[in-house]
Structure formats: C-alpha cells, structure tokens
C-alpha atoms as a PDB file:
ATOM      1  CA  MET A   1     -13.957 -19.744  11.550  1.00  0.00           C
ATOM      2  CA  THR A   2     -10.541 -21.178  12.433  1.00  0.00           C
ATOM      3  CA  SER A   3      -6.834 -19.797  11.511  1.00  0.00           C
ATOM      4  CA  ASN A   4      -6.713 -22.556   9.025  1.00  0.00           C
ATOM      5  CA  GLU A   5      -9.819 -21.574   7.226  1.00  0.00           C
ATOM      6  CA  PHE A   6      -8.915 -17.933   7.372  1.00  0.00           C
ATOM      7  CA  ILE A   7      -5.484 -18.845   5.719  1.00  0.00           C
ATOM      8  CA  GLU A   8      -7.174 -20.969   3.349  1.00  0.00           C
ATOM      9  CA  GLU A   9      -9.701 -18.719   1.976  1.00  0.00           C
ATOM     10  CA  LEU A  10      -6.932 -16.282   1.309  1.00  0.00           C
ATOM     11  CA  VAL A  11      -4.039 -18.702  -0.396  1.00  0.00           C
ATOM     12  CA  GLY A  12      -5.989 -21.816  -1.105  1.00  0.00           C
ATOM     13  CA  SER A  13      -6.019 -25.090   0.453  1.00  0.00           C
ATOM     14  CA  ASN A  14      -2.436 -26.210  -0.635  1.00  0.00           C
ATOM     15  CA  TRP A  15      -0.488 -23.667   1.657  1.00  0.00           C
ATOM     16  CA  GLU A  16       2.482 -24.649   3.887  1.00  0.00           C
ATOM     17  CA  GLU A  17       4.236 -22.940   6.890  1.00  0.00           C
ATOM     18  CA  TRP A  18       6.681 -21.044   4.886  1.00  0.00           C
ATOM     19  CA  HIS A  19       3.685 -19.010   2.957  1.00  0.00           C
ATOM     20  CA  LEU A  20       2.755 -17.275   6.309  1.00  0.00           C
ATOM     21  CA  PRO A  21       5.680 -14.652   6.542  1.00  0.00           C
ATOM     22  CA  VAL A  22       5.051 -14.140   2.892  1.00  0.00           C
ATOM     23  CA  LEU A  23       1.344 -13.477   3.446  1.00  0.00           C
ATOM     24  CA  LEU A  24       2.187 -11.270   6.428  1.00  0.00           C
ATOM     25  CA  ALA A  25       4.649  -9.292   4.538  1.00  0.00           C
ATOM     26  CA  HIS A  26       1.973  -8.807   1.598  1.00  0.00           C
ATOM     27  CA  VAL A  27      -1.026  -7.794   3.886  1.00  0.00           C
ATOM     28  CA  LYS A  28       1.505  -5.064   5.656  1.00  0.00           C
ATOM     29  CA  GLN A  29       2.493  -3.653   2.422  1.00  0.00           C
ATOM     30  CA  SER A  30      -1.255  -3.530   1.140  1.00  0.00           C
ATOM     31  CA  LEU A  31      -2.127  -1.529   4.566  1.00  0.00           C
ATOM     32  CA  GLU A  32       0.729   0.595   3.988  1.00  0.00           C
ATOM     33  CA  ASP A  33      -0.365   1.097   0.258  1.00  0.00           C
ATOM     34  CA  ALA A  34      -3.661   1.961   1.387  1.00  0.00           C
ATOM     35  CA  GLU A  35      -2.890   4.464   3.811  1.00  0.00           C
ATOM     36  CA  ARG A  36      -0.701   6.100   0.960  1.00  0.00           C
ATOM     37  CA  TYR A  37      -3.918   6.351  -1.320  1.00  0.00           C
ATOM     38  CA  LYS A  38      -5.744   7.814   1.656  1.00  0.00           C
ATOM     39  CA  VAL A  39      -3.064  10.679   1.650  1.00  0.00           C
ATOM     40  CA  VAL A  40      -3.069  11.095  -2.029  1.00  0.00           C
ATOM     41  CA  ARG A  41      -6.739  11.070  -2.213  1.00  0.00           C
ATOM     42  CA  ASP A  42      -7.113  13.641   0.390  1.00  0.00           C
ATOM     43  CA  PHE A  43      -4.289  16.055  -0.494  1.00  0.00           C
ATOM     44  CA  ALA A  44      -4.305  15.766  -4.549  1.00  0.00           C
ATOM     45  CA  LYS A  45      -6.045  18.667  -5.874  1.00  0.00           C
ATOM     46  CA  LYS A  46      -5.332  18.516  -9.279  1.00  0.00           C
ATOM     47  CA  LEU A  47      -4.093  14.873 -10.539  1.00  0.00           C
ATOM     48  CA  SER A  48      -3.192  14.296 -14.020  1.00  0.00           C
ATOM     49  CA  PHE A  49      -1.997  11.339 -15.347  1.00  0.00           C
ATOM     50  CA  ASN A  50       0.302  10.782 -18.568  1.00  0.00           C
ATOM     51  CA  ASP A  51       1.220   7.858 -21.020  1.00  0.00           C
ATOM     52  CA  ASN A  52       4.652   7.819 -19.285  1.00  0.00           C
ATOM     53  CA  PRO A  53       4.221   5.857 -15.805  1.00  0.00           C
ATOM     54  CA  ARG A  54       6.804   6.705 -13.426  1.00  0.00           C
ATOM     55  CA  GLU A  55       9.966   4.659 -13.347  1.00  0.00           C
ATOM     56  CA  LYS A  56       9.763   1.758 -10.687  1.00  0.00           C
ATOM     57  CA  SER A  57      13.300   3.163  -9.047  1.00  0.00           C
ATOM     58  CA  GLU A  58      11.424   6.333  -8.592  1.00  0.00           C
ATOM     59  CA  PHE A  59       8.649   4.536  -6.374  1.00  0.00           C
ATOM     60  CA  ASN A  60      10.212   4.295  -3.220  1.00  0.00           C
ATOM     61  CA  GLU A  61      11.083   8.145  -3.245  1.00  0.00           C
ATOM     62  CA  PHE A  62       7.460   8.559  -4.167  1.00  0.00           C
ATOM     63  CA  ASP A  63       6.366   6.450  -1.234  1.00  0.00           C
ATOM     64  CA  ASP A  64       8.726   8.475   1.159  1.00  0.00           C
ATOM     65  CA  LEU A  65       7.284  11.679   0.065  1.00  0.00           C
ATOM     66  CA  VAL A  66       3.485  10.578   0.556  1.00  0.00           C
ATOM     67  CA  ASP A  67       4.338   9.190   4.081  1.00  0.00           C
ATOM     68  CA  ALA A  68       5.939  12.427   4.947  1.00  0.00           C
ATOM     69  CA  LYS A  69       2.612  14.657   3.835  1.00  0.00           C
ATOM     70  CA  GLY A  70       0.392  11.586   5.698  1.00  0.00           C
ATOM     71  CA  TYR A  71       2.162  13.234   9.145  1.00  0.00           C
ATOM     72  CA  ASP A  72       1.989  16.837   8.014  1.00  0.00           C
ATOM     73  CA  THR A  73      -1.103  18.700   9.438  1.00  0.00           C
ATOM     74  CA  ASP A  74      -0.712  21.866   7.166  1.00  0.00           C
ATOM     75  CA  GLU A  75      -4.033  22.296   5.534  1.00  0.00           C
ATOM     76  CA  ASP A  76      -2.870  24.624   2.674  1.00  0.00           C
ATOM     77  CA  TYR A  77      -1.354  21.721   0.798  1.00  0.00           C
ATOM     78  CA  ILE A  78      -1.761  22.040  -3.013  1.00  0.00           C
END
C-alpha cells in the first residue's frame, strides 16, 4: 500500500495537501481520547449517566482530570 492509497482510504480520493495536517491532528486527538477512555474504563467503578450531559466548556477540565489520573499509580482510586 502506498501513502497515497492509505490517505485515500481514510479521506477519499479528492484530498489535497492541506488536508494532511487536519488529518494528523484528528488522528492525534483520537489517540488521546482512546487513552482517556482506557483510564475511565480502568478506574471508574461506579458510572452513571443522566439526562443532562456535561457542558462543552467543562470538557477540557474533565480531560485534564482524566489525564492526571492516567499518570496516578494509586490502586485505591474509587
């Protein structure tokens, strides 16, 4: 598989050079989100959902909290 074929599989055949930094940023963000999911999955013992989702302005705060927990080695997290 060539690099062009790889990119075409991800974004289609009508891609241009300026799409590459956008694609890279998206891939990096997806990998960070996947790591956050693993932290939440591994440490969240009681998880509940409600009908009022978190405000978008709180996302970064929550991501920072989860990122910090990802580096924490304390096994007694509740």
